[in-house]
Every structure is written in C-alpha cells, then in structure tokens.
Amino acid sequence: MVPIPSLWLPILLSAVFVFILSSIIHMALGYHRSDFKQLPAEEAVQEALRKFDIPPGDYLLPCMGRGESMKDPKFVEKMTKGPVLIMTVRKPGPPSMSGNLVLWFLYCILVGILAAYITSRAITPDAPYLTVFRFAGATAFIGYSIALLQNSIWYSRSWGATLRSMFDGLLYGLLTAGTFGWLWPR
C-alpha cells in the first residue's frame, strides 16, 4: 500500500495537465461548439422571460410534480402541445470564467485524489508502469466521464454532446494514468 500523501505530485501534476488539455480542447479544437444550439428568436424569448424575473435554478416545463400527475390529462396536453423544456437559469451579468475555472481545477484535483486512493490501495510501491496506468486511468476515466451518461438518459442532453464529453474524459483519464505511471514511487 502506498500512502496517499506521497502521491501529492502525481495528483497535482495530473490536475495541471488535465486543466491544460481541457483548455486546448475547448479553445482550440472546437468540437464542442455544436453542444448547444442557438434558440430561434433568441432575443424575443429573452425579452419574454425577462419580465418573470426567474431566479437562478433548474426548471422543468411543464413541471409534472409527483409521478401520478403524469397521467393527468391537463399535464399530458401541456406535454403534447409543447414546448417541453429542461433549463438552467443563471444569474444575469457579464460572463466570467474565473470561478468556473477554479472549480474545474479543484475537481481535477479531486479526481486525482480518487485515482491515488484506488491505485494506492490496489498495488504496491514497486508496481510496473502499466499496472499503475490501468488502475489510475480507469479510476480517472470513471471520475471524468461515467456520470455524464445520466444527463442524456434523464435530462435529454444530446447524446453527441455527452459522448464528446466522455471522449474528453477518456483523454483526461489517459493523461492522469500516464502521470501516475511516470511518478509512481519505486
């Protein structure tokens, strides 16, 4: 068993590497540009919604409430007539990525800690590179990707967007695996 504090360097470096790779993916490669579509009549829809002063949060339209209301003819009519929305309302204001980037980096560290925990409990300090790579990589891939499937299953998120994000998670997992394999105590 390897003590987790002795893995601080691969935890931190893998987070830095993933952070850099994610920046390259989202700023330079551009394959996520189609993840969201522009709403037709965007300005008119914004203007119509503005008067309601909707607080930040997650909303379902129409909102079914409890399970038995799904059979209520009024609810069924609303669902049939549409539009049907799942939306997140954010606080208005100029865009700022700084808070999101800090949270993303902390998340990358958390995934690194989880990869360190699982890997350190499964293998010894003198484990070969490929063994470390497999444990750390599988754990990191799970941490970055698997829960994304729920967004398509339950919230109608585009399967393409989900699979592209899972591909990112695969790359992040491989990068984490390589970092842990390289810096594993010997």
Foldseek 3Di string as FASTA:
>chain_A
DDDLVVCPVLLLVLLVVLLVVVCCCVPPVPPLVVQDDQDVVNVVVCVVCVVVVDDFDWDWVPDQPDPVSCPVPVNVVDVVVDDTDTDTDDDDDDDDCVVVSVVSSVLSSVLSSQLSVQLPVPDDLPDALVSLLVSSLVSQLCSQADVLVCCCVPVVRDPVSNVVSSVSSNVSSNSSSNSCSVPRHD
